[in-house]
């Protein structure tokens, strides 16, 4: 009788292995991993654009833009599409605020959108579009929102803080 029970236990434990379900899930895991890598790359690209602006390097700001890139700014003015015009405009701004910089830079991403949070400071010490410098400083918190295409290129930018905030703080005439 003991021998019969032992044979039964051995027989029950020697079942052939069933196919593993994990193999079927592997493509989904790879997709999630790939998406996470893409999001991290997009965050790094967006932060690099903000750091380029903070370091007054217009080429770095627009290094990773797509041919159809659109900069909406804060929405008060017309959207800009031409890379050369954008570089010229940014260069003019750098001359007016030569010590402008971003601090406390952090980013959050959702799919092909990245929001970069920063505190911006600077002083109006250079001429800007015919306006004489006031020597006054500004400080504001902003969120820059970037969108990306599937190739990881920037397709658009929007700022949430109105440039009127800077204008008021540095004593520019109101428009």
Foldseek 3Di string as FASTA:
>chain_A
DVVVVVVVVVVVVPDDDDDDCVVVCVVVVVVVVVQVVLQVLLQVLCVQLQQCLQVLNLCSNQVQADQQAWECEAVPDHIDRDSVVSSVQSNLVCQQWVNKHWPPWDWDDDRQKIKIKTKIKTAGCGDHPNDHFQRFMAIDIKIKMFGADPVSGTRYIYINDDCVRVCVRRVHDDD
